[in-house]
PDB file of N, CA and C in Angstrom:
ATOM      1  N   UNK A   1      10.774  -5.563 -13.405  1.00  0.00           N
ATOM      2  CA  UNK A   1      12.075  -5.317 -12.856  1.00  0.00           C
ATOM      3  C   UNK A   1      12.877  -4.608 -13.951  1.00  0.00           C
ATOM      4  N   UNK A   2      13.651  -3.582 -13.515  1.00  0.00           N
ATOM      5  CA  UNK A   2      14.490  -2.868 -14.465  1.00  0.00           C
ATOM      6  C   UNK A   2      15.674  -2.253 -13.735  1.00  0.00           C
ATOM      7  N   UNK A   3      16.720  -1.946 -14.485  1.00  0.00           N
ATOM      8  CA  UNK A   3      17.887  -1.267 -13.943  1.00  0.00           C
ATOM      9  C   UNK A   3      17.751   0.209 -14.295  1.00  0.00           C
ATOM     10  N   UNK A   4      17.917   1.071 -13.287  1.00  0.00           N
ATOM     11  CA  UNK A   4      17.838   2.517 -13.483  1.00  0.00           C
ATOM     12  C   UNK A   4      19.101   3.126 -12.870  1.00  0.00           C
ATOM     13  N   UNK A   5      20.133   3.315 -13.690  1.00  0.00           N
ATOM     14  CA  UNK A   5      21.405   3.801 -13.160  1.00  0.00           C
ATOM     15  C   UNK A   5      22.019   2.750 -12.254  1.00  0.00           C
ATOM     16  N   UNK A   6      22.276   3.127 -10.998  1.00  0.00           N
ATOM     17  CA  UNK A   6      22.827   2.198 -10.012  1.00  0.00           C
ATOM     18  C   UNK A   6      21.747   1.419  -9.265  1.00  0.00           C
ATOM     19  N   UNK A   7      20.502   1.636  -9.615  1.00  0.00           N
ATOM     20  CA  UNK A   7      19.383   1.034  -8.894  1.00  0.00           C
ATOM     21  C   UNK A   7      18.788  -0.139  -9.660  1.00  0.00           C
ATOM     22  N   UNK A   8      18.421  -1.177  -8.928  1.00  0.00           N
ATOM     23  CA  UNK A   8      17.582  -2.232  -9.466  1.00  0.00           C
ATOM     24  C   UNK A   8      16.182  -1.911  -8.972  1.00  0.00           C
ATOM     25  N   UNK A   9      15.278  -1.636  -9.871  1.00  0.00           N
ATOM     26  CA  UNK A   9      13.914  -1.254  -9.507  1.00  0.00           C
ATOM     27  C   UNK A   9      13.011  -2.457  -9.718  1.00  0.00           C
ATOM     28  N   UNK A  10      12.337  -2.874  -8.665  1.00  0.00           N
ATOM     29  CA  UNK A  10      11.400  -3.989  -8.728  1.00  0.00           C
ATOM     30  C   UNK A  10      10.033  -3.439  -8.344  1.00  0.00           C
ATOM     31  N   UNK A  11       9.081  -3.565  -9.219  1.00  0.00           N
ATOM     32  CA  UNK A  11       7.729  -3.090  -8.923  1.00  0.00           C
ATOM     33  C   UNK A  11       6.868  -4.285  -8.555  1.00  0.00           C
ATOM     34  N   UNK A  12       6.258  -4.212  -7.380  1.00  0.00           N
ATOM     35  CA  UNK A  12       5.363  -5.260  -6.908  1.00  0.00           C
ATOM     36  C   UNK A  12       3.990  -4.639  -6.773  1.00  0.00           C
ATOM     37  N   UNK A  13       3.019  -5.213  -7.430  1.00  0.00           N
ATOM     38  CA  UNK A  13       1.661  -4.685  -7.402  1.00  0.00           C
ATOM     39  C   UNK A  13       0.830  -5.550  -6.467  1.00  0.00           C
ATOM     40  N   UNK A  14       0.181  -4.896  -5.504  1.00  0.00           N
ATOM     41  CA  UNK A  14      -0.668  -5.571  -4.534  1.00  0.00           C
ATOM     42  C   UNK A  14      -2.098  -5.512  -5.038  1.00  0.00           C
ATOM     43  N   UNK A  15      -2.744  -6.667  -5.119  1.00  0.00           N
ATOM     44  CA  UNK A  15      -4.126  -6.691  -5.596  1.00  0.00           C
ATOM     45  C   UNK A  15      -5.121  -6.245  -4.526  1.00  0.00           C
ATOM     46  N   UNK A  16      -4.621  -5.937  -3.322  1.00  0.00           N
ATOM     47  CA  UNK A  16      -5.481  -5.440  -2.252  1.00  0.00           C
ATOM     48  C   UNK A  16      -6.242  -6.512  -1.513  1.00  0.00           C
ATOM     49  N   UNK A  17      -6.101  -7.771  -1.903  1.00  0.00           N
ATOM     50  CA  UNK A  17      -6.803  -8.864  -1.254  1.00  0.00           C
ATOM     51  C   UNK A  17      -5.951  -9.374  -0.105  1.00  0.00           C
ATOM     52  N   UNK A  18      -6.516  -9.373   1.097  1.00  0.00           N
ATOM     53  CA  UNK A  18      -5.780  -9.849   2.261  1.00  0.00           C
ATOM     54  C   UNK A  18      -5.884 -11.366   2.358  1.00  0.00           C
ATOM     55  N   UNK A  19      -4.881 -11.971   2.987  1.00  0.00           N
ATOM     56  CA  UNK A  19      -4.889 -13.416   3.191  1.00  0.00           C
ATOM     57  C   UNK A  19      -6.052 -13.801   4.094  1.00  0.00           C
ATOM     58  N   UNK A  20      -6.551 -14.990   3.906  1.00  0.00           N
ATOM     59  CA  UNK A  20      -7.631 -15.486   4.755  1.00  0.00           C
ATOM     60  C   UNK A  20      -7.122 -15.651   6.176  1.00  0.00           C
ATOM     61  N   UNK A  21      -7.987 -15.438   7.189  1.00  0.00           N
ATOM     62  CA  UNK A  21      -7.555 -15.626   8.577  1.00  0.00           C
ATOM     63  C   UNK A  21      -6.946 -17.008   8.769  1.00  0.00           C
ATOM     64  N   UNK A  22      -5.788 -17.034   9.416  1.00  0.00           N
ATOM     65  CA  UNK A  22      -5.105 -18.293   9.670  1.00  0.00           C
ATOM     66  C   UNK A  22      -4.268 -18.773   8.497  1.00  0.00           C
ATOM     67  N   UNK A  23      -4.350 -18.050   7.373  1.00  0.00           N
ATOM     68  CA  UNK A  23      -3.586 -18.439   6.190  1.00  0.00           C
ATOM     69  C   UNK A  23      -2.137 -18.008   6.307  1.00  0.00           C
ATOM     70  N   UNK A  24      -1.334 -18.461   5.369  1.00  0.00           N
ATOM     71  CA  UNK A  24       0.086 -18.104   5.347  1.00  0.00           C
ATOM     72  C   UNK A  24       0.227 -16.676   4.874  1.00  0.00           C
ATOM     73  N   UNK A  25       0.637 -15.779   5.768  1.00  0.00           N
ATOM     74  CA  UNK A  25       0.770 -14.370   5.422  1.00  0.00           C
ATOM     75  C   UNK A  25       2.208 -13.998   5.103  1.00  0.00           C
ATOM     76  N   UNK A  26       3.173 -14.860   5.402  1.00  0.00           N
ATOM     77  CA  UNK A  26       4.559 -14.550   5.123  1.00  0.00           C
ATOM     78  C   UNK A  26       5.033 -13.349   5.925  1.00  0.00           C
ATOM     79  N   UNK A  27       6.040 -12.673   5.417  1.00  0.00           N
ATOM     80  CA  UNK A  27       6.620 -11.556   6.144  1.00  0.00           C
ATOM     81  C   UNK A  27       6.582 -10.261   5.351  1.00  0.00           C
ATOM     82  N   UNK A  28       6.128 -10.288   4.133  1.00  0.00           N
ATOM     83  CA  UNK A  28       5.928  -9.089   3.356  1.00  0.00           C
ATOM     84  C   UNK A  28       7.121  -8.157   3.319  1.00  0.00           C
ATOM     85  N   UNK A  29       6.860  -6.876   3.495  1.00  0.00           N
ATOM     86  CA  UNK A  29       7.900  -5.864   3.399  1.00  0.00           C
ATOM     87  C   UNK A  29       8.980  -6.021   4.462  1.00  0.00           C
ATOM     88  N   UNK A  30       8.617  -6.499   5.634  1.00  0.00           N
ATOM     89  CA  UNK A  30       9.610  -6.686   6.693  1.00  0.00           C
ATOM     90  C   UNK A  30      10.661  -7.697   6.243  1.00  0.00           C
ATOM     91  N   UNK A  31      10.219  -8.824   5.709  1.00  0.00           N
ATOM     92  CA  UNK A  31      11.143  -9.841   5.226  1.00  0.00           C
ATOM     93  C   UNK A  31      11.980  -9.344   4.058  1.00  0.00           C
ATOM     94  N   UNK A  32      11.338  -8.622   3.138  1.00  0.00           N
ATOM     95  CA  UNK A  32      12.080  -8.074   2.007  1.00  0.00           C
ATOM     96  C   UNK A  32      13.155  -7.100   2.478  1.00  0.00           C
ATOM     97  N   UNK A  33      12.799  -6.228   3.413  1.00  0.00           N
ATOM     98  CA  UNK A  33      13.755  -5.241   3.921  1.00  0.00           C
ATOM     99  C   UNK A  33      14.933  -5.934   4.598  1.00  0.00           C
ATOM    100  N   UNK A  34      14.681  -7.001   5.356  1.00  0.00           N
ATOM    101  CA  UNK A  34      15.763  -7.731   6.015  1.00  0.00           C
ATOM    102  C   UNK A  34      16.707  -8.357   4.996  1.00  0.00           C
ATOM    103  N   UNK A  35      16.146  -8.929   3.942  1.00  0.00           N
ATOM    104  CA  UNK A  35      16.984  -9.563   2.914  1.00  0.00           C
ATOM    105  C   UNK A  35      17.816  -8.521   2.170  1.00  0.00           C
ATOM    106  N   UNK A  36      17.198  -7.408   1.798  1.00  0.00           N
ATOM    107  CA  UNK A  36      17.909  -6.346   1.086  1.00  0.00           C
ATOM    108  C   UNK A  36      19.021  -5.777   1.963  1.00  0.00           C
ATOM    109  N   UNK A  37      18.725  -5.567   3.263  1.00  0.00           N
ATOM    110  CA  UNK A  37      19.715  -5.044   4.197  1.00  0.00           C
ATOM    111  C   UNK A  37      20.896  -6.008   4.335  1.00  0.00           C
ATOM    112  N   UNK A  38      20.599  -7.298   4.387  1.00  0.00           N
ATOM    113  CA  UNK A  38      21.653  -8.305   4.512  1.00  0.00           C
ATOM    114  C   UNK A  38      22.594  -8.286   3.303  1.00  0.00           C
ATOM    115  N   UNK A  39      22.072  -7.851   2.160  1.00  0.00           N
ATOM    116  CA  UNK A  39      22.881  -7.775   0.942  1.00  0.00           C
ATOM    117  C   UNK A  39      23.514  -6.402   0.755  1.00  0.00           C
ATOM    118  N   UNK A  40      23.329  -5.515   1.752  1.00  0.00           N
ATOM    119  CA  UNK A  40      23.943  -4.188   1.695  1.00  0.00           C
ATOM    120  C   UNK A  40      23.151  -3.167   0.900  1.00  0.00           C
ATOM    121  N   UNK A  41      21.896  -3.461   0.618  1.00  0.00           N
ATOM    122  CA  UNK A  41      21.066  -2.528  -0.154  1.00  0.00           C
ATOM    123  C   UNK A  41      20.098  -1.776   0.723  1.00  0.00           C
ATOM    124  N   UNK A  42      19.153  -1.122   0.100  1.00  0.00           N
ATOM    125  CA  UNK A  42      18.106  -0.422   0.847  1.00  0.00           C
ATOM    126  C   UNK A  42      16.780  -0.647   0.145  1.00  0.00           C
ATOM    127  N   UNK A  43      15.709  -0.562   0.886  1.00  0.00           N
ATOM    128  CA  UNK A  43      14.378  -0.795   0.356  1.00  0.00           C
ATOM    129  C   UNK A  43      13.540   0.443   0.608  1.00  0.00           C
ATOM    130  N   UNK A  44      12.974   0.975  -0.436  1.00  0.00           N
ATOM    131  CA  UNK A  44      12.024   2.077  -0.338  1.00  0.00           C
ATOM    132  C   UNK A  44      10.682   1.510  -0.775  1.00  0.00           C
ATOM    133  N   UNK A  45       9.658   1.680   0.033  1.00  0.00           N
ATOM    134  CA  UNK A  45       8.366   1.100  -0.306  1.00  0.00           C
ATOM    135  C   UNK A  45       7.251   2.081   0.001  1.00  0.00           C
ATOM    136  N   UNK A  46       6.186   1.971  -0.726  1.00  0.00           N
ATOM    137  CA  UNK A  46       5.020   2.811  -0.500  1.00  0.00           C
ATOM    138  C   UNK A  46       4.211   2.919  -1.771  1.00  0.00           C
ATOM    139  N   UNK A  47       3.127   3.614  -1.671  1.00  0.00           N
ATOM    140  CA  UNK A  47       2.256   3.793  -2.826  1.00  0.00           C
ATOM    141  C   UNK A  47       2.861   4.805  -3.781  1.00  0.00           C
ATOM    142  N   UNK A  48       2.639   4.582  -5.052  1.00  0.00           N
ATOM    143  CA  UNK A  48       3.050   5.556  -6.044  1.00  0.00           C
ATOM    144  C   UNK A  48       2.197   6.813  -5.853  1.00  0.00           C
ATOM    145  N   UNK A  49       2.721   7.982  -6.213  1.00  0.00           N
ATOM    146  CA  UNK A  49       1.942   9.219  -6.048  1.00  0.00           C
ATOM    147  C   UNK A  49       0.557   9.081  -6.673  1.00  0.00           C
ATOM    148  N   UNK A  50      -0.450   9.409  -5.880  1.00  0.00           N
ATOM    149  CA  UNK A  50      -1.829   9.344  -6.346  1.00  0.00           C
ATOM    150  C   UNK A  50      -2.444   7.968  -6.342  1.00  0.00           C
ATOM    151  N   UNK A  51      -1.726   6.961  -5.841  1.00  0.00           N
ATOM    152  CA  UNK A  51      -2.234   5.594  -5.822  1.00  0.00           C
ATOM    153  C   UNK A  51      -2.544   5.166  -4.402  1.00  0.00           C
ATOM    154  N   UNK A  52      -3.515   4.266  -4.270  1.00  0.00           N
ATOM    155  CA  UNK A  52      -3.843   3.721  -2.952  1.00  0.00           C
ATOM    156  C   UNK A  52      -2.769   2.750  -2.514  1.00  0.00           C
ATOM    157  N   UNK A  53      -2.517   2.711  -1.202  1.00  0.00           N
ATOM    158  CA  UNK A  53      -1.501   1.792  -0.687  1.00  0.00           C
ATOM    159  C   UNK A  53      -2.102   0.472  -0.239  1.00  0.00           C
ATOM    160  N   UNK A  54      -3.403   0.318  -0.294  1.00  0.00           N
ATOM    161  CA  UNK A  54      -4.028  -0.934   0.101  1.00  0.00           C
ATOM    162  C   UNK A  54      -4.608  -0.899   1.502  1.00  0.00           C
ATOM    163  N   UNK A  55      -4.458   0.218   2.206  1.00  0.00           N
ATOM    164  CA  UNK A  55      -5.034   0.293   3.547  1.00  0.00           C
ATOM    165  C   UNK A  55      -6.534   0.510   3.434  1.00  0.00           C
ATOM    166  N   UNK A  56      -7.293   0.216   4.496  1.00  0.00           N
ATOM    167  CA  UNK A  56      -8.740   0.249   4.407  1.00  0.00           C
ATOM    168  C   UNK A  56      -9.343   1.645   4.244  1.00  0.00           C
ATOM    169  N   UNK A  57      -8.586   2.678   4.592  1.00  0.00           N
ATOM    170  CA  UNK A  57      -9.129   4.024   4.448  1.00  0.00           C
ATOM    171  C   UNK A  57      -8.908   4.519   3.033  1.00  0.00           C
ATOM    172  N   UNK A  58      -9.608   5.565   2.657  1.00  0.00           N
ATOM    173  CA  UNK A  58      -9.425   6.168   1.343  1.00  0.00           C
ATOM    174  C   UNK A  58      -8.271   7.148   1.442  1.00  0.00           C
ATOM    175  N   UNK A  59      -7.067   6.699   1.137  1.00  0.00           N
ATOM    176  CA  UNK A  59      -5.892   7.544   1.268  1.00  0.00           C
ATOM    177  C   UNK A  59      -4.961   7.279   0.100  1.00  0.00           C
ATOM    178  N   UNK A  60      -4.063   8.198  -0.125  1.00  0.00           N
ATOM    179  CA  UNK A  60      -3.130   8.042  -1.226  1.00  0.00           C
ATOM    180  C   UNK A  60      -1.743   8.485  -0.808  1.00  0.00           C
ATOM    181  N   UNK A  61      -0.732   7.943  -1.477  1.00  0.00           N
ATOM    182  CA  UNK A  61       0.648   8.372  -1.342  1.00  0.00           C
ATOM    183  C   UNK A  61       1.138   8.511   0.076  1.00  0.00           C
ATOM    184  N   UNK A  62       1.824   9.627   0.365  1.00  0.00           N
ATOM    185  CA  UNK A  62       2.466   9.826   1.661  1.00  0.00           C
ATOM    186  C   UNK A  62       1.480  10.001   2.801  1.00  0.00           C
ATOM    187  N   UNK A  63       0.225  10.353   2.508  1.00  0.00           N
ATOM    188  CA  UNK A  63      -0.773  10.534   3.555  1.00  0.00           C
ATOM    189  C   UNK A  63      -1.285   9.201   4.083  1.00  0.00           C
ATOM    190  N   UNK A  64      -0.912   8.111   3.450  1.00  0.00           N
ATOM    191  CA  UNK A  64      -1.462   6.813   3.790  1.00  0.00           C
ATOM    192  C   UNK A  64      -0.712   6.182   4.955  1.00  0.00           C
ATOM    193  N   UNK A  65      -1.442   5.680   5.924  1.00  0.00           N
ATOM    194  CA  UNK A  65      -0.869   4.964   7.065  1.00  0.00           C
ATOM    195  C   UNK A  65      -0.897   3.486   6.709  1.00  0.00           C
ATOM    196  N   UNK A  66       0.256   2.828   6.792  1.00  0.00           N
ATOM    197  CA  UNK A  66       0.303   1.448   6.346  1.00  0.00           C
ATOM    198  C   UNK A  66      -0.014   0.430   7.434  1.00  0.00           C
ATOM    199  N   UNK A  67       0.086   0.804   8.709  1.00  0.00           N
ATOM    200  CA  UNK A  67      -0.154  -0.155   9.778  1.00  0.00           C
ATOM    201  C   UNK A  67      -1.087   0.438  10.817  1.00  0.00           C
ATOM    202  N   UNK A  68      -2.243  -0.206  10.993  1.00  0.00           N
ATOM    203  CA  UNK A  68      -3.246   0.246  11.961  1.00  0.00           C
ATOM    204  C   UNK A  68      -3.158  -0.660  13.186  1.00  0.00           C
ATOM    205  N   UNK A  69      -2.951  -0.069  14.373  1.00  0.00           N
ATOM    206  CA  UNK A  69      -2.660  -0.836  15.582  1.00  0.00           C
ATOM    207  C   UNK A  69      -3.716  -0.589  16.655  1.00  0.00           C
ATOM    208  N   UNK A  70      -4.107  -1.662  17.338  1.00  0.00           N
ATOM    209  CA  UNK A  70      -4.947  -1.603  18.532  1.00  0.00           C
ATOM    210  C   UNK A  70      -4.045  -1.922  19.718  1.00  0.00           C
ATOM    211  N   UNK A  71      -4.075  -1.091  20.766  1.00  0.00           N
ATOM    212  CA  UNK A  71      -3.257  -1.302  21.962  1.00  0.00           C
ATOM    213  C   UNK A  71      -4.162  -1.756  23.107  1.00  0.00           C
ATOM    214  N   UNK A  72      -3.826  -2.897  23.714  1.00  0.00           N
ATOM    215  CA  UNK A  72      -4.620  -3.427  24.824  1.00  0.00           C
ATOM    216  C   UNK A  72      -3.725  -3.672  26.027  1.00  0.00           C
ATOM    217  N   UNK A  73      -4.076  -3.057  27.144  1.00  0.00           N
ATOM    218  CA  UNK A  73      -3.367  -3.257  28.402  1.00  0.00           C
ATOM    219  C   UNK A  73      -4.286  -2.789  29.513  1.00  0.00           C
ATOM    220  N   UNK A  74      -4.196  -3.414  30.697  1.00  0.00           N
ATOM    221  CA  UNK A  74      -5.077  -3.026  31.789  1.00  0.00           C
ATOM    222  C   UNK A  74      -4.639  -1.730  32.459  1.00  0.00           C
ATOM    223  N   UNK A  75      -3.452  -1.225  32.132  1.00  0.00           N
ATOM    224  CA  UNK A  75      -2.974   0.027  32.725  1.00  0.00           C
ATOM    225  C   UNK A  75      -3.037   1.158  31.692  1.00  0.00           C
ATOM    226  N   UNK A  76      -3.810   2.182  32.010  1.00  0.00           N
ATOM    227  CA  UNK A  76      -3.987   3.313  31.096  1.00  0.00           C
ATOM    228  C   UNK A  76      -2.659   3.990  30.756  1.00  0.00           C
ATOM    229  N   UNK A  77      -1.757   4.076  31.732  1.00  0.00           N
ATOM    230  CA  UNK A  77      -0.477   4.739  31.493  1.00  0.00           C
ATOM    231  C   UNK A  77       0.350   3.962  30.459  1.00  0.00           C
ATOM    232  N   UNK A  78       0.292   2.645  30.517  1.00  0.00           N
ATOM    233  CA  UNK A  78       1.014   1.818  29.546  1.00  0.00           C
ATOM    234  C   UNK A  78       0.420   2.021  28.154  1.00  0.00           C
ATOM    235  N   UNK A  79      -0.921   2.028  28.067  1.00  0.00           N
ATOM    236  CA  UNK A  79      -1.568   2.256  26.767  1.00  0.00           C
ATOM    237  C   UNK A  79      -1.178   3.618  26.209  1.00  0.00           C
ATOM    238  N   UNK A  80      -1.178   4.631  27.052  1.00  0.00           N
ATOM    239  CA  UNK A  80      -0.815   5.980  26.611  1.00  0.00           C
ATOM    240  C   UNK A  80       0.626   6.019  26.126  1.00  0.00           C
ATOM    241  N   UNK A  81       1.523   5.361  26.847  1.00  0.00           N
ATOM    242  CA  UNK A  81       2.921   5.325  26.439  1.00  0.00           C
ATOM    243  C   UNK A  81       3.104   4.675  25.079  1.00  0.00           C
ATOM    244  N   UNK A  82       2.453   3.530  24.876  1.00  0.00           N
ATOM    245  CA  UNK A  82       2.551   2.870  23.577  1.00  0.00           C
ATOM    246  C   UNK A  82       1.931   3.729  22.471  1.00  0.00           C
ATOM    247  N   UNK A  83       0.809   4.369  22.788  1.00  0.00           N
ATOM    248  CA  UNK A  83       0.162   5.227  21.784  1.00  0.00           C
ATOM    249  C   UNK A  83       1.126   6.340  21.360  1.00  0.00           C
ATOM    250  N   UNK A  84       1.773   6.991  22.329  1.00  0.00           N
ATOM    251  CA  UNK A  84       2.697   8.080  22.008  1.00  0.00           C
ATOM    252  C   UNK A  84       3.878   7.585  21.169  1.00  0.00           C
ATOM    253  N   UNK A  85       4.436   6.444  21.542  1.00  0.00           N
ATOM    254  CA  UNK A  85       5.571   5.895  20.804  1.00  0.00           C
ATOM    255  C   UNK A  85       5.161   5.517  19.382  1.00  0.00           C
ATOM    256  N   UNK A  86       4.078   4.764  19.262  1.00  0.00           N
ATOM    257  CA  UNK A  86       3.660   4.273  17.952  1.00  0.00           C
ATOM    258  C   UNK A  86       3.178   5.386  17.038  1.00  0.00           C
ATOM    259  N   UNK A  87       2.424   6.341  17.574  1.00  0.00           N
ATOM    260  CA  UNK A  87       1.939   7.435  16.739  1.00  0.00           C
ATOM    261  C   UNK A  87       3.067   8.362  16.289  1.00  0.00           C
ATOM    262  N   UNK A  88       4.238   8.238  16.907  1.00  0.00           N
ATOM    263  CA  UNK A  88       5.392   9.015  16.477  1.00  0.00           C
ATOM    264  C   UNK A  88       6.016   8.475  15.201  1.00  0.00           C
ATOM    265  N   UNK A  89       5.608   7.287  14.795  1.00  0.00           N
ATOM    266  CA  UNK A  89       6.115   6.688  13.556  1.00  0.00           C
ATOM    267  C   UNK A  89       5.213   7.125  12.394  1.00  0.00           C
ATOM    268  N   UNK A  90       5.810   7.520  11.267  1.00  0.00           N
ATOM    269  CA  UNK A  90       5.011   8.059  10.172  1.00  0.00           C
ATOM    270  C   UNK A  90       4.081   7.054   9.503  1.00  0.00           C
ATOM    271  N   UNK A  91       4.374   5.762   9.607  1.00  0.00           N
ATOM    272  CA  UNK A  91       3.546   4.784   8.915  1.00  0.00           C
ATOM    273  C   UNK A  91       2.747   3.892   9.868  1.00  0.00           C
ATOM    274  N   UNK A  92       2.561   4.366  11.103  1.00  0.00           N
ATOM    275  CA  UNK A  92       1.782   3.622  12.093  1.00  0.00           C
ATOM    276  C   UNK A  92       0.728   4.543  12.688  1.00  0.00           C
ATOM    277  N   UNK A  93      -0.469   4.013  12.866  1.00  0.00           N
ATOM    278  CA  UNK A  93      -1.545   4.769  13.505  1.00  0.00           C
ATOM    279  C   UNK A  93      -2.210   3.872  14.548  1.00  0.00           C
ATOM    280  N   UNK A  94      -2.292   4.343  15.783  1.00  0.00           N
ATOM    281  CA  UNK A  94      -3.032   3.615  16.813  1.00  0.00           C
ATOM    282  C   UNK A  94      -4.502   3.980  16.608  1.00  0.00           C
ATOM    283  N   UNK A  95      -5.297   2.976  16.251  1.00  0.00           N
ATOM    284  CA  UNK A  95      -6.704   3.224  15.921  1.00  0.00           C
ATOM    285  C   UNK A  95      -7.637   2.992  17.100  1.00  0.00           C
ATOM    286  N   UNK A  96      -7.127   2.377  18.178  1.00  0.00           N
ATOM    287  CA  UNK A  96      -7.983   2.140  19.326  1.00  0.00           C
ATOM    288  C   UNK A  96      -7.215   1.580  20.500  1.00  0.00           C
ATOM    289  N   UNK A  97      -7.894   1.588  21.662  1.00  0.00           N
ATOM    290  CA  UNK A  97      -7.324   1.052  22.895  1.00  0.00           C
ATOM    291  C   UNK A  97      -8.366   0.174  23.576  1.00  0.00           C
ATOM    292  N   UNK A  98      -7.868  -0.752  24.375  1.00  0.00           N
ATOM    293  CA  UNK A  98      -8.750  -1.609  25.157  1.00  0.00           C
ATOM    294  C   UNK A  98      -8.106  -1.860  26.508  1.00  0.00           C
ATOM    295  N   UNK A  99      -8.950  -1.945  27.554  1.00  0.00           N
ATOM    296  CA  UNK A  99      -8.462  -2.118  28.917  1.00  0.00           C
ATOM    297  C   UNK A  99      -8.405  -3.578  29.356  1.00  0.00           C
ATOM    298  N   UNK A 100      -9.014  -4.481  28.585  1.00  0.00           N
ATOM    299  CA  UNK A 100      -8.963  -5.902  28.926  1.00  0.00           C
ATOM    300  C   UNK A 100      -9.181  -6.727  27.658  1.00  0.00           C
ATOM    301  N   UNK A 101      -9.032  -8.033  27.802  1.00  0.00           N
ATOM    302  CA  UNK A 101      -9.130  -8.926  26.657  1.00  0.00           C
ATOM    303  C   UNK A 101     -10.474  -8.910  25.967  1.00  0.00           C
ATOM    304  N   UNK A 102     -11.553  -8.901  26.742  1.00  0.00           N
ATOM    305  CA  UNK A 102     -12.898  -8.874  26.143  1.00  0.00           C
ATOM    306  C   UNK A 102     -13.100  -7.608  25.320  1.00  0.00           C
ATOM    307  N   UNK A 103     -12.692  -6.488  25.892  1.00  0.00           N
ATOM    308  CA  UNK A 103     -12.823  -5.224  25.182  1.00  0.00           C
ATOM    309  C   UNK A 103     -11.939  -5.221  23.928  1.00  0.00           C
ATOM    310  N   UNK A 104     -10.761  -5.825  24.018  1.00  0.00           N
ATOM    311  CA  UNK A 104      -9.851  -5.893  22.866  1.00  0.00           C
ATOM    312  C   UNK A 104     -10.505  -6.648  21.709  1.00  0.00           C
ATOM    313  N   UNK A 105     -11.168  -7.758  22.015  1.00  0.00           N
ATOM    314  CA  UNK A 105     -11.840  -8.537  20.975  1.00  0.00           C
ATOM    315  C   UNK A 105     -12.960  -7.710  20.352  1.00  0.00           C
ATOM    316  N   UNK A 106     -13.755  -7.059  21.179  1.00  0.00           N
ATOM    317  CA  UNK A 106     -14.859  -6.238  20.690  1.00  0.00           C
ATOM    318  C   UNK A 106     -14.373  -5.088  19.812  1.00  0.00           C
ATOM    319  N   UNK A 107     -13.343  -4.373  20.294  1.00  0.00           N
ATOM    320  CA  UNK A 107     -12.806  -3.234  19.545  1.00  0.00           C
ATOM    321  C   UNK A 107     -12.154  -3.707  18.245  1.00  0.00           C
ATOM    322  N   UNK A 108     -11.451  -4.844  18.295  1.00  0.00           N
ATOM    323  CA  UNK A 108     -10.806  -5.378  17.093  1.00  0.00           C
ATOM    324  C   UNK A 108     -11.843  -5.744  16.038  1.00  0.00           C
ATOM    325  N   UNK A 109     -12.961  -6.316  16.460  1.00  0.00           N
ATOM    326  CA  UNK A 109     -14.028  -6.649  15.502  1.00  0.00           C
ATOM    327  C   UNK A 109     -14.589  -5.399  14.844  1.00  0.00           C
ATOM    328  N   UNK A 110     -14.686  -4.343  15.624  1.00  0.00           N
ATOM    329  CA  UNK A 110     -15.242  -3.085  15.106  1.00  0.00           C
ATOM    330  C   UNK A 110     -14.257  -2.346  14.202  1.00  0.00           C
ATOM    331  N   UNK A 111     -13.004  -2.208  14.658  1.00  0.00           N
ATOM    332  CA  UNK A 111     -12.037  -1.363  13.960  1.00  0.00           C
ATOM    333  C   UNK A 111     -11.174  -2.104  12.935  1.00  0.00           C
ATOM    334  N   UNK A 112     -11.098  -3.439  13.033  1.00  0.00           N
ATOM    335  CA  UNK A 112     -10.307  -4.246  12.109  1.00  0.00           C
ATOM    336  C   UNK A 112      -8.864  -3.761  11.974  1.00  0.00           C
ATOM    337  N   UNK A 113      -8.118  -3.669  13.099  1.00  0.00           N
ATOM    338  CA  UNK A 113      -6.718  -3.232  13.023  1.00  0.00           C
ATOM    339  C   UNK A 113      -5.868  -4.286  12.314  1.00  0.00           C
ATOM    340  N   UNK A 114      -4.713  -3.857  11.822  1.00  0.00           N
ATOM    341  CA  UNK A 114      -3.781  -4.801  11.222  1.00  0.00           C
ATOM    342  C   UNK A 114      -3.052  -5.595  12.299  1.00  0.00           C
ATOM    343  N   UNK A 115      -2.810  -4.950  13.458  1.00  0.00           N
ATOM    344  CA  UNK A 115      -2.047  -5.550  14.556  1.00  0.00           C
ATOM    345  C   UNK A 115      -2.711  -5.180  15.870  1.00  0.00           C
ATOM    346  N   UNK A 116      -2.727  -6.123  16.814  1.00  0.00           N
ATOM    347  CA  UNK A 116      -3.152  -5.826  18.177  1.00  0.00           C
ATOM    348  C   UNK A 116      -1.956  -6.058  19.089  1.00  0.00           C
ATOM    349  N   UNK A 117      -1.565  -5.004  19.800  1.00  0.00           N
ATOM    350  CA  UNK A 117      -0.478  -5.076  20.770  1.00  0.00           C
ATOM    351  C   UNK A 117      -1.144  -5.315  22.115  1.00  0.00           C
ATOM    352  N   UNK A 118      -0.901  -6.490  22.706  1.00  0.00           N
ATOM    353  CA  UNK A 118      -1.647  -6.888  23.901  1.00  0.00           C
ATOM    354  C   UNK A 118      -0.723  -7.630  24.850  1.00  0.00           C
ATOM    355  N   UNK A 119      -0.739  -7.266  26.123  1.00  0.00           N
ATOM    356  CA  UNK A 119       0.086  -7.960  27.104  1.00  0.00           C
ATOM    357  C   UNK A 119      -0.509  -9.330  27.409  1.00  0.00           C
ATOM    358  N   UNK A 120       0.338 -10.255  27.778  1.00  0.00           N
ATOM    359  CA  UNK A 120      -0.143 -11.599  28.083  1.00  0.00           C
ATOM    360  C   UNK A 120      -0.964 -11.624  29.366  1.00  0.00           C
ATOM    361  N   UNK A 121      -0.786 -10.601  30.211  1.00  0.00           N
ATOM    362  CA  UNK A 121      -1.524 -10.552  31.478  1.00  0.00           C
ATOM    363  C   UNK A 121      -2.840  -9.823  31.340  1.00  0.00           C
ATOM    364  N   UNK A 122      -3.204  -9.429  30.130  1.00  0.00           N
ATOM    365  CA  UNK A 122      -4.451  -8.695  29.922  1.00  0.00           C
ATOM    366  C   UNK A 122      -5.625  -9.654  30.112  1.00  0.00           C
ATOM    367  N   UNK A 123      -6.412  -9.481  31.189  1.00  0.00           N
ATOM    368  CA  UNK A 123      -7.480 -10.447  31.500  1.00  0.00           C
ATOM    369  C   UNK A 123      -8.611 -10.444  30.490  1.00  0.00           C
TER     370      UNK A 123
END
């Protein structure tokens, strides 16, 4: 941690090890951003130039996608809509789609997304 002009700079180094399934994952950057916002500050986060951001692909810096999403819904139009919305975000990538719950489990095992967006009515 250091002061740089009007900025308080806090460097957090991620060892790249993910929490065990079912373990306490906390809220990470989302929680930090909420706390900083509540105090009237701003949070800038990402990999340092030329450094990996911790995502499973071999990527660096601004080219790195931080959140890999699987979209599951029984309606193709709904999946397409979510894909268009999510892929419009610079740090989100929809890595796969599934038409039902069984397919979602199979695709998730294969692609290992960070998040699965799935309707409760998905059979």
